[in-house]
Every structure is written in C-alpha cells, then in structure tokens.
Amino acid sequence: MGEDGVEIEITRVFYSTPTYPRNAIRLGREGYVIIEFDVDTDGAVLDPYVIQSEPTGVFERAAIKAVRKWLYKPPSYNGVSVKVNEVRAKVTFALQ
C-alpha cells in the first residue's frame, strides 16, 4: 500500500530462495512464514518482520534473511517514485 493508502501493484524482480534450516531437515519439518515489509522507492525491501509462522521458532530467521535480499521493480504511482508499505509475502518451506 502506498503512503496515502492507495493500493499499488509491485513486481518482484529478484527472488532469493531461503536456506532450509538443517535442524528442520533432520526432523523432517515443513512449514511457512508470513512476513510483512515495506518496499523502498528503489525496490529494496525494508524492515521485514514475521506476522505468522508455522511451526513457531523454526523458519523465521531463514525467511527474513531471504526476504531481505529480494528486489522489486521500483514502485511508482502516477509517474512518481513511491515507497510501498505493508507488503506481505508467504515463504513456504517444503521438503522435496
């Protein structure tokens, strides 16, 4: 969402796959983390934090580390570069 409450579509141009925690692999654990963050005018991810995770305490650190590396196409609204707040993403951890 843009600074004035307008919904703005954003496009991710770089995705970093999270590193699966060794302990979770050993225990055969799968799960997900929902992260909220802002996207800066240059497309960088700002201040990611965990909204929800299942199971708790297993995948949060790996998910945040990956999301920090993501990059979005610089968001704009009416031709003006803007920061987008309250972006949510679900990072899923599934064993092959």
PDB file of N, CA and C in Angstrom:
ATOM      1  N   MET A   1       0.839  -1.178   0.000  1.00  0.00           N
ATOM      2  CA  MET A   1       0.000   0.000   0.000  1.00  0.00           C
ATOM      3  C   MET A   1       0.886   1.243   0.000  1.00  0.00           C
ATOM      4  N   GLY A   2       0.530   2.217  -0.783  1.00  0.00           N
ATOM      5  CA  GLY A   2       1.293   3.459  -0.846  1.00  0.00           C
ATOM      6  C   GLY A   2       1.096   4.281   0.421  1.00  0.00           C
ATOM      7  N   GLU A   3       1.872   5.349   0.515  1.00  0.00           N
ATOM      8  CA  GLU A   3       1.858   6.172   1.732  1.00  0.00           C
ATOM      9  C   GLU A   3       0.501   6.797   2.027  1.00  0.00           C
ATOM     10  N   ASP A   4      -0.318   7.028   0.972  1.00  0.00           N
ATOM     11  CA  ASP A   4      -1.617   7.657   1.205  1.00  0.00           C
ATOM     12  C   ASP A   4      -2.773   6.656   1.191  1.00  0.00           C
ATOM     13  N   GLY A   5      -2.460   5.352   1.357  1.00  0.00           N
ATOM     14  CA  GLY A   5      -3.499   4.332   1.436  1.00  0.00           C
ATOM     15  C   GLY A   5      -3.950   3.778   0.101  1.00  0.00           C
ATOM     16  N   VAL A   6      -3.315   4.174  -1.003  1.00  0.00           N
ATOM     17  CA  VAL A   6      -3.672   3.671  -2.327  1.00  0.00           C
ATOM     18  C   VAL A   6      -2.976   2.333  -2.558  1.00  0.00           C
ATOM     19  N   GLU A   7      -3.724   1.359  -3.098  1.00  0.00           N
ATOM     20  CA  GLU A   7      -3.096   0.068  -3.401  1.00  0.00           C
ATOM     21  C   GLU A   7      -2.237   0.219  -4.641  1.00  0.00           C
ATOM     22  N   ILE A   8      -0.994  -0.244  -4.536  1.00  0.00           N
ATOM     23  CA  ILE A   8      -0.050  -0.141  -5.645  1.00  0.00           C
ATOM     24  C   ILE A   8       0.482  -1.537  -5.950  1.00  0.00           C
ATOM     25  N   GLU A   9       0.406  -1.926  -7.213  1.00  0.00           N
ATOM     26  CA  GLU A   9       0.907  -3.236  -7.632  1.00  0.00           C
ATOM     27  C   GLU A   9       2.429  -3.169  -7.713  1.00  0.00           C
ATOM     28  N   ILE A  10       3.079  -4.177  -7.156  1.00  0.00           N
ATOM     29  CA  ILE A  10       4.540  -4.219  -7.225  1.00  0.00           C
ATOM     30  C   ILE A  10       4.975  -5.527  -7.880  1.00  0.00           C
ATOM     31  N   THR A  11       6.137  -5.493  -8.507  1.00  0.00           N
ATOM     32  CA  THR A  11       6.644  -6.659  -9.216  1.00  0.00           C
ATOM     33  C   THR A  11       8.007  -7.037  -8.666  1.00  0.00           C
ATOM     34  N   ARG A  12       8.119  -8.272  -8.197  1.00  0.00           N
ATOM     35  CA  ARG A  12       9.407  -8.733  -7.688  1.00  0.00           C
ATOM     36  C   ARG A  12      10.290  -9.095  -8.877  1.00  0.00           C
ATOM     37  N   VAL A  13      11.517  -8.567  -8.880  1.00  0.00           N
ATOM     38  CA  VAL A  13      12.435  -8.847  -9.981  1.00  0.00           C
ATOM     39  C   VAL A  13      13.592  -9.753  -9.555  1.00  0.00           C
ATOM     40  N   PHE A  14      13.786  -9.911  -8.254  1.00  0.00           N
ATOM     41  CA  PHE A  14      14.807 -10.847  -7.771  1.00  0.00           C
ATOM     42  C   PHE A  14      14.266 -11.587  -6.561  1.00  0.00           C
ATOM     43  N   TYR A  15      14.405 -12.913  -6.597  1.00  0.00           N
ATOM     44  CA  TYR A  15      13.911 -13.763  -5.521  1.00  0.00           C
ATOM     45  C   TYR A  15      15.076 -14.577  -4.981  1.00  0.00           C
ATOM     46  N   SER A  16      15.304 -14.516  -3.694  1.00  0.00           N
ATOM     47  CA  SER A  16      16.329 -15.315  -3.041  1.00  0.00           C
ATOM     48  C   SER A  16      15.634 -16.456  -2.310  1.00  0.00           C
ATOM     49  N   THR A  17      15.992 -17.693  -2.671  1.00  0.00           N
ATOM     50  CA  THR A  17      15.405 -18.858  -2.020  1.00  0.00           C
ATOM     51  C   THR A  17      15.957 -18.975  -0.606  1.00  0.00           C
ATOM     52  N   PRO A  18      15.090 -19.180   0.374  1.00  0.00           N
ATOM     53  CA  PRO A  18      15.591 -19.305   1.744  1.00  0.00           C
ATOM     54  C   PRO A  18      16.406 -20.587   1.932  1.00  0.00           C
ATOM     55  N   THR A  19      17.363 -20.531   2.825  1.00  0.00           N
ATOM     56  CA  THR A  19      18.144 -21.706   3.190  1.00  0.00           C
ATOM     57  C   THR A  19      17.319 -22.525   4.176  1.00  0.00           C
ATOM     58  N   TYR A  20      17.120 -23.781   3.854  1.00  0.00           N
ATOM     59  CA  TYR A  20      16.317 -24.652   4.717  1.00  0.00           C
ATOM     60  C   TYR A  20      17.132 -24.942   5.984  1.00  0.00           C
ATOM     61  N   PRO A  21      16.614 -24.633   7.159  1.00  0.00           N
ATOM     62  CA  PRO A  21      17.366 -24.890   8.388  1.00  0.00           C
ATOM     63  C   PRO A  21      17.718 -26.378   8.535  1.00  0.00           C
ATOM     64  N   ARG A  22      18.975 -26.660   8.855  1.00  0.00           N
ATOM     65  CA  ARG A  22      19.448 -28.049   8.978  1.00  0.00           C
ATOM     66  C   ARG A  22      18.627 -28.855   9.976  1.00  0.00           C
ATOM     67  N   ASN A  23      18.319 -28.225  11.095  1.00  0.00           N
ATOM     68  CA  ASN A  23      17.545 -28.901  12.136  1.00  0.00           C
ATOM     69  C   ASN A  23      16.166 -29.336  11.608  1.00  0.00           C
ATOM     70  N   ALA A  24      15.549 -28.469  10.800  1.00  0.00           N
ATOM     71  CA  ALA A  24      14.232 -28.783  10.236  1.00  0.00           C
ATOM     72  C   ALA A  24      14.336 -29.932   9.237  1.00  0.00           C
ATOM     73  N   ILE A  25      15.419 -29.973   8.465  1.00  0.00           N
ATOM     74  CA  ILE A  25      15.627 -31.083   7.520  1.00  0.00           C
ATOM     75  C   ILE A  25      15.754 -32.386   8.305  1.00  0.00           C
ATOM     76  N   ARG A  26      16.591 -32.351   9.339  1.00  0.00           N
ATOM     77  CA  ARG A  26      16.842 -33.543  10.149  1.00  0.00           C
ATOM     78  C   ARG A  26      15.551 -34.078  10.768  1.00  0.00           C
ATOM     79  N   LEU A  27      14.676 -33.165  11.193  1.00  0.00           N
ATOM     80  CA  LEU A  27      13.421 -33.561  11.835  1.00  0.00           C
ATOM     81  C   LEU A  27      12.277 -33.766  10.833  1.00  0.00           C
ATOM     82  N   GLY A  28      12.565 -33.518   9.554  1.00  0.00           N
ATOM     83  CA  GLY A  28      11.526 -33.670   8.535  1.00  0.00           C
ATOM     84  C   GLY A  28      10.416 -32.646   8.644  1.00  0.00           C
ATOM     85  N   ARG A  29      10.749 -31.443   9.123  1.00  0.00           N
ATOM     86  CA  ARG A  29       9.751 -30.388   9.342  1.00  0.00           C
ATOM     87  C   ARG A  29       9.493 -29.576   8.071  1.00  0.00           C
ATOM     88  N   GLU A  30       8.237 -29.247   7.855  1.00  0.00           N
ATOM     89  CA  GLU A  30       7.838 -28.328   6.798  1.00  0.00           C
ATOM     90  C   GLU A  30       6.998 -27.237   7.442  1.00  0.00           C
ATOM     91  N   GLY A  31       6.867 -26.102   6.754  1.00  0.00           N
ATOM     92  CA  GLY A  31       6.058 -25.035   7.318  1.00  0.00           C
ATOM     93  C   GLY A  31       6.086 -23.795   6.457  1.00  0.00           C
ATOM     94  N   TYR A  32       5.705 -22.678   7.052  1.00  0.00           N
ATOM     95  CA  TYR A  32       5.683 -21.409   6.325  1.00  0.00           C
ATOM     96  C   TYR A  32       5.872 -20.251   7.292  1.00  0.00           C
ATOM     97  N   VAL A  33       6.215 -19.108   6.704  1.00  0.00           N
ATOM     98  CA  VAL A  33       6.343 -17.871   7.464  1.00  0.00           C
ATOM     99  C   VAL A  33       5.684 -16.769   6.635  1.00  0.00           C
ATOM    100  N   ILE A  34       4.838 -15.968   7.269  1.00  0.00           N
ATOM    101  CA  ILE A  34       4.268 -14.802   6.600  1.00  0.00           C
ATOM    102  C   ILE A  34       5.015 -13.590   7.129  1.00  0.00           C
ATOM    103  N   ILE A  35       5.575 -12.825   6.192  1.00  0.00           N
ATOM    104  CA  ILE A  35       6.416 -11.684   6.537  1.00  0.00           C
ATOM    105  C   ILE A  35       5.791 -10.411   5.978  1.00  0.00           C
ATOM    106  N   GLU A  36       5.854  -9.347   6.772  1.00  0.00           N
ATOM    107  CA  GLU A  36       5.396  -8.035   6.301  1.00  0.00           C
ATOM    108  C   GLU A  36       6.604  -7.115   6.219  1.00  0.00           C
ATOM    109  N   PHE A  37       6.628  -6.278   5.183  1.00  0.00           N
ATOM    110  CA  PHE A  37       7.752  -5.364   4.977  1.00  0.00           C
ATOM    111  C   PHE A  37       7.309  -4.203   4.105  1.00  0.00           C
ATOM    112  N   ASP A  38       8.174  -3.221   3.970  1.00  0.00           N
ATOM    113  CA  ASP A  38       7.941  -2.094   3.074  1.00  0.00           C
ATOM    114  C   ASP A  38       8.870  -2.251   1.877  1.00  0.00           C
ATOM    115  N   VAL A  39       8.491  -1.660   0.746  1.00  0.00           N
ATOM    116  CA  VAL A  39       9.359  -1.634  -0.435  1.00  0.00           C
ATOM    117  C   VAL A  39       9.714  -0.178  -0.684  1.00  0.00           C
ATOM    118  N   ASP A  40      11.015   0.113  -0.671  1.00  0.00           N
ATOM    119  CA  ASP A  40      11.509   1.480  -0.838  1.00  0.00           C
ATOM    120  C   ASP A  40      11.371   1.935  -2.287  1.00  0.00           C
ATOM    121  N   THR A  41      11.596   3.214  -2.527  1.00  0.00           N
ATOM    122  CA  THR A  41      11.464   3.790  -3.866  1.00  0.00           C
ATOM    123  C   THR A  41      12.410   3.150  -4.875  1.00  0.00           C
ATOM    124  N   ASP A  42      13.503   2.538  -4.405  1.00  0.00           N
ATOM    125  CA  ASP A  42      14.439   1.867  -5.327  1.00  0.00           C
ATOM    126  C   ASP A  42      14.130   0.378  -5.486  1.00  0.00           C
ATOM    127  N   GLY A  43      13.073  -0.111  -4.826  1.00  0.00           N
ATOM    128  CA  GLY A  43      12.683  -1.508  -4.952  1.00  0.00           C
ATOM    129  C   GLY A  43      13.257  -2.415  -3.874  1.00  0.00           C
ATOM    130  N   ALA A  44      14.045  -1.854  -2.946  1.00  0.00           N
ATOM    131  CA  ALA A  44      14.643  -2.656  -1.874  1.00  0.00           C
ATOM    132  C   ALA A  44      13.618  -2.954  -0.782  1.00  0.00           C
ATOM    133  N   VAL A  45      13.782  -4.110  -0.133  1.00  0.00           N
ATOM    134  CA  VAL A  45      12.922  -4.499   0.983  1.00  0.00           C
ATOM    135  C   VAL A  45      13.417  -3.801   2.254  1.00  0.00           C
ATOM    136  N   LEU A  46      12.485  -3.208   2.999  1.00  0.00           N
ATOM    137  CA  LEU A  46      12.812  -2.519   4.253  1.00  0.00           C
ATOM    138  C   LEU A  46      12.099  -3.179   5.424  1.00  0.00           C
ATOM    139  N   ASP A  47      12.804  -3.351   6.518  1.00  0.00           N
ATOM    140  CA  ASP A  47      12.226  -3.754   7.806  1.00  0.00           C
ATOM    141  C   ASP A  47      11.294  -4.970   7.763  1.00  0.00           C
ATOM    142  N   PRO A  48      11.756  -6.109   7.237  1.00  0.00           N
ATOM    143  CA  PRO A  48      10.877  -7.285   7.260  1.00  0.00           C
ATOM    144  C   PRO A  48      10.689  -7.819   8.671  1.00  0.00           C
ATOM    145  N   TYR A  49       9.476  -8.218   9.000  1.00  0.00           N
ATOM    146  CA  TYR A  49       9.220  -8.844  10.293  1.00  0.00           C
ATOM    147  C   TYR A  49       8.138  -9.909  10.146  1.00  0.00           C
ATOM    148  N   VAL A  50       8.160 -10.852  11.054  1.00  0.00           N
ATOM    149  CA  VAL A  50       7.263 -12.007  10.996  1.00  0.00           C
ATOM    150  C   VAL A  50       5.878 -11.644  11.527  1.00  0.00           C
ATOM    151  N   ILE A  51       4.864 -11.988  10.754  1.00  0.00           N
ATOM    152  CA  ILE A  51       3.462 -11.811  11.144  1.00  0.00           C
ATOM    153  C   ILE A  51       2.942 -13.119  11.729  1.00  0.00           C
ATOM    154  N   GLN A  52       3.301 -14.237  11.073  1.00  0.00           N
ATOM    155  CA  GLN A  52       2.794 -15.543  11.486  1.00  0.00           C
ATOM    156  C   GLN A  52       3.778 -16.603  11.005  1.00  0.00           C
ATOM    157  N   SER A  53       3.919 -17.682  11.755  1.00  0.00           N
ATOM    158  CA  SER A  53       4.763 -18.784  11.308  1.00  0.00           C
ATOM    159  C   SER A  53       4.227 -20.106  11.840  1.00  0.00           C
ATOM    160  N   GLU A  54       4.462 -21.143  11.078  1.00  0.00           N
ATOM    161  CA  GLU A  54       4.009 -22.480  11.465  1.00  0.00           C
ATOM    162  C   GLU A  54       5.052 -23.480  10.995  1.00  0.00           C
ATOM    163  N   PRO A  55       5.670 -24.249  11.848  1.00  0.00           N
ATOM    164  CA  PRO A  55       5.641 -24.155  13.303  1.00  0.00           C
ATOM    165  C   PRO A  55       6.453 -22.949  13.788  1.00  0.00           C
ATOM    166  N   THR A  56       6.146 -22.478  14.975  1.00  0.00           N
ATOM    167  CA  THR A  56       6.819 -21.319  15.542  1.00  0.00           C
ATOM    168  C   THR A  56       8.268 -21.652  15.912  1.00  0.00           C
ATOM    169  N   GLY A  57       9.167 -20.713  15.645  1.00  0.00           N
ATOM    170  CA  GLY A  57      10.540 -20.851  16.093  1.00  0.00           C
ATOM    171  C   GLY A  57      11.455 -21.680  15.209  1.00  0.00           C
ATOM    172  N   VAL A  58      10.985 -22.091  14.026  1.00  0.00           N
ATOM    173  CA  VAL A  58      11.796 -22.959  13.179  1.00  0.00           C
ATOM    174  C   VAL A  58      12.336 -22.233  11.938  1.00  0.00           C
ATOM    175  N   PHE A  59      11.458 -21.538  11.214  1.00  0.00           N
ATOM    176  CA  PHE A  59      11.825 -20.998   9.902  1.00  0.00           C
ATOM    177  C   PHE A  59      11.953 -19.477   9.835  1.00  0.00           C
ATOM    178  N   GLU A  60      11.648 -18.769  10.923  1.00  0.00           N
ATOM    179  CA  GLU A  60      11.589 -17.307  10.878  1.00  0.00           C
ATOM    180  C   GLU A  60      12.896 -16.659  10.420  1.00  0.00           C
ATOM    181  N   ARG A  61      14.005 -17.040  11.031  1.00  0.00           N
ATOM    182  CA  ARG A  61      15.288 -16.419  10.711  1.00  0.00           C
ATOM    183  C   ARG A  61      15.656 -16.630   9.236  1.00  0.00           C
ATOM    184  N   ALA A  62      15.488 -17.848   8.739  1.00  0.00           N
ATOM    185  CA  ALA A  62      15.820 -18.158   7.340  1.00  0.00           C
ATOM    186  C   ALA A  62      14.930 -17.365   6.377  1.00  0.00           C
ATOM    187  N   ALA A  63      13.652 -17.226   6.722  1.00  0.00           N
ATOM    188  CA  ALA A  63      12.720 -16.498   5.857  1.00  0.00           C
ATOM    189  C   ALA A  63      13.084 -15.019   5.788  1.00  0.00           C
ATOM    190  N   ILE A  64      13.347 -14.405   6.931  1.00  0.00           N
ATOM    191  CA  ILE A  64      13.707 -12.982   6.945  1.00  0.00           C
ATOM    192  C   ILE A  64      15.006 -12.737   6.184  1.00  0.00           C
ATOM    193  N   LYS A  65      15.983 -13.609   6.374  1.00  0.00           N
ATOM    194  CA  LYS A  65      17.266 -13.475   5.687  1.00  0.00           C
ATOM    195  C   LYS A  65      17.076 -13.501   4.161  1.00  0.00           C
ATOM    196  N   ALA A  66      16.203 -14.379   3.679  1.00  0.00           N
ATOM    197  CA  ALA A  66      15.932 -14.469   2.242  1.00  0.00           C
ATOM    198  C   ALA A  66      15.181 -13.231   1.742  1.00  0.00           C
ATOM    199  N   VAL A  67      14.152 -12.815   2.477  1.00  0.00           N
ATOM    200  CA  VAL A  67      13.318 -11.686   2.045  1.00  0.00           C
ATOM    201  C   VAL A  67      14.137 -10.391   1.964  1.00  0.00           C
ATOM    202  N   ARG A  68      15.097 -10.211   2.861  1.00  0.00           N
ATOM    203  CA  ARG A  68      15.949  -9.013   2.823  1.00  0.00           C
ATOM    204  C   ARG A  68      16.682  -8.869   1.488  1.00  0.00           C
ATOM    205  N   LYS A  69      16.924  -9.994   0.804  1.00  0.00           N
ATOM    206  CA  LYS A  69      17.660  -9.978  -0.472  1.00  0.00           C
ATOM    207  C   LYS A  69      16.754  -9.761  -1.680  1.00  0.00           C
ATOM    208  N   TRP A  70      15.436  -9.877  -1.484  1.00  0.00           N
ATOM    209  CA  TRP A  70      14.511  -9.706  -2.605  1.00  0.00           C
ATOM    210  C   TRP A  70      14.609  -8.286  -3.133  1.00  0.00           C
ATOM    211  N   LEU A  71      14.275  -8.142  -4.407  1.00  0.00           N
ATOM    212  CA  LEU A  71      14.283  -6.822  -5.040  1.00  0.00           C
ATOM    213  C   LEU A  71      13.034  -6.690  -5.892  1.00  0.00           C
ATOM    214  N   TYR A  72      12.426  -5.532  -5.823  1.00  0.00           N
ATOM    215  CA  TYR A  72      11.223  -5.250  -6.596  1.00  0.00           C
ATOM    216  C   TYR A  72      11.507  -4.163  -7.624  1.00  0.00           C
ATOM    217  N   LYS A  73      10.709  -4.160  -8.688  1.00  0.00           N
ATOM    218  CA  LYS A  73      10.779  -3.074  -9.656  1.00  0.00           C
ATOM    219  C   LYS A  73      10.423  -1.806  -8.875  1.00  0.00           C
ATOM    220  N   PRO A  74      11.205  -0.723  -9.005  1.00  0.00           N
ATOM    221  CA  PRO A  74      10.901   0.490  -8.221  1.00  0.00           C
ATOM    222  C   PRO A  74       9.435   0.907  -8.382  1.00  0.00           C
ATOM    223  N   PRO A  75       8.694   0.943  -7.270  1.00  0.00           N
ATOM    224  CA  PRO A  75       7.268   1.266  -7.358  1.00  0.00           C
ATOM    225  C   PRO A  75       7.018   2.732  -7.699  1.00  0.00           C
ATOM    226  N   SER A  76       5.966   2.957  -8.501  1.00  0.00           N
ATOM    227  CA  SER A  76       5.603   4.335  -8.820  1.00  0.00           C
ATOM    228  C   SER A  76       4.087   4.460  -8.866  1.00  0.00           C
ATOM    229  N   TYR A  77       3.642   5.673  -8.648  1.00  0.00           N
ATOM    230  CA  TYR A  77       2.214   5.982  -8.664  1.00  0.00           C
ATOM    231  C   TYR A  77       2.052   7.298  -9.402  1.00  0.00           C
ATOM    232  N   ASN A  78       1.270   7.282 -10.468  1.00  0.00           N
ATOM    233  CA  ASN A  78       1.100   8.471 -11.324  1.00  0.00           C
ATOM    234  C   ASN A  78       2.452   9.027 -11.777  1.00  0.00           C
ATOM    235  N   GLY A  79       3.372   8.114 -12.104  1.00  0.00           N
ATOM    236  CA  GLY A  79       4.681   8.528 -12.626  1.00  0.00           C
ATOM    237  C   GLY A  79       5.669   8.997 -11.575  1.00  0.00           C
ATOM    238  N   VAL A  80       5.271   8.944 -10.290  1.00  0.00           N
ATOM    239  CA  VAL A  80       6.151   9.399  -9.220  1.00  0.00           C
ATOM    240  C   VAL A  80       6.641   8.188  -8.437  1.00  0.00           C
ATOM    241  N   SER A  81       7.918   8.150  -8.142  1.00  0.00           N
ATOM    242  CA  SER A  81       8.505   7.065  -7.365  1.00  0.00           C
ATOM    243  C   SER A  81       7.966   7.118  -5.936  1.00  0.00           C
ATOM    244  N   VAL A  82       7.473   5.992  -5.441  1.00  0.00           N
ATOM    245  CA  VAL A  82       6.879   5.964  -4.102  1.00  0.00           C
ATOM    246  C   VAL A  82       7.384   4.770  -3.301  1.00  0.00           C
ATOM    247  N   LYS A  83       7.265   4.869  -1.980  1.00  0.00           N
ATOM    248  CA  LYS A  83       7.538   3.766  -1.074  1.00  0.00           C
ATOM    249  C   LYS A  83       6.213   3.042  -0.844  1.00  0.00           C
ATOM    250  N   VAL A  84       6.259   1.717  -0.802  1.00  0.00           N
ATOM    251  CA  VAL A  84       5.042   0.939  -0.586  1.00  0.00           C
ATOM    252  C   VAL A  84       5.142   0.272   0.782  1.00  0.00           C
ATOM    253  N   ASN A  85       4.132   0.481   1.608  1.00  0.00           N
ATOM    254  CA  ASN A  85       4.100  -0.060   2.968  1.00  0.00           C
ATOM    255  C   ASN A  85       3.220  -1.301   3.047  1.00  0.00           C
ATOM    256  N   GLU A  86       3.454  -2.090   4.092  1.00  0.00           N
ATOM    257  CA  GLU A  86       2.596  -3.232   4.443  1.00  0.00           C
ATOM    258  C   GLU A  86       2.459  -4.267   3.331  1.00  0.00           C
ATOM    259  N   VAL A  87       3.598  -4.618   2.729  1.00  0.00           N
ATOM    260  CA  VAL A  87       3.606  -5.690   1.736  1.00  0.00           C
ATOM    261  C   VAL A  87       3.721  -7.002   2.506  1.00  0.00           C
ATOM    262  N   ARG A  88       2.935  -7.991   2.136  1.00  0.00           N
ATOM    263  CA  ARG A  88       3.001  -9.295   2.804  1.00  0.00           C
ATOM    264  C   ARG A  88       3.412 -10.374   1.809  1.00  0.00           C
ATOM    265  N   ALA A  89       4.233 -11.296   2.301  1.00  0.00           N
ATOM    266  CA  ALA A  89       4.658 -12.418   1.473  1.00  0.00           C
ATOM    267  C   ALA A  89       4.682 -13.675   2.335  1.00  0.00           C
ATOM    268  N   LYS A  90       4.322 -14.791   1.721  1.00  0.00           N
ATOM    269  CA  LYS A  90       4.375 -16.076   2.409  1.00  0.00           C
ATOM    270  C   LYS A  90       5.579 -16.841   1.873  1.00  0.00           C
ATOM    271  N   VAL A  91       6.457 -17.242   2.778  1.00  0.00           N
ATOM    272  CA  VAL A  91       7.624 -18.036   2.406  1.00  0.00           C
ATOM    273  C   VAL A  91       7.347 -19.461   2.886  1.00  0.00           C
ATOM    274  N   THR A  92       7.289 -20.389   1.934  1.00  0.00           N
ATOM    275  CA  THR A  92       6.959 -21.779   2.257  1.00  0.00           C
ATOM    276  C   THR A  92       8.208 -22.641   2.287  1.00  0.00           C
ATOM    277  N   PHE A  93       8.277 -23.497   3.260  1.00  0.00           N
ATOM    278  CA  PHE A  93       9.381 -24.435   3.403  1.00  0.00           C
ATOM    279  C   PHE A  93       8.815 -25.840   3.224  1.00  0.00           C
ATOM    280  N   ALA A  94       9.197 -26.499   2.127  1.00  0.00           N
ATOM    281  CA  ALA A  94       8.694 -27.842   1.838  1.00  0.00           C
ATOM    282  C   ALA A  94       9.850 -28.728   1.416  1.00  0.00           C
ATOM    283  N   LEU A  95       9.909 -29.909   1.998  1.00  0.00           N
ATOM    284  CA  LEU A  95      10.944 -30.877   1.639  1.00  0.00           C
ATOM    285  C   LEU A  95      10.578 -31.525   0.303  1.00  0.00           C
ATOM    286  N   GLN A  96      11.582 -31.824  -0.506  1.00  0.00           N
ATOM    287  CA  GLN A  96      11.331 -32.418  -1.837  1.00  0.00           C
ATOM    288  C   GLN A  96      10.993 -33.881  -1.708  1.00  0.00           C
TER     289      GLN A  96
END
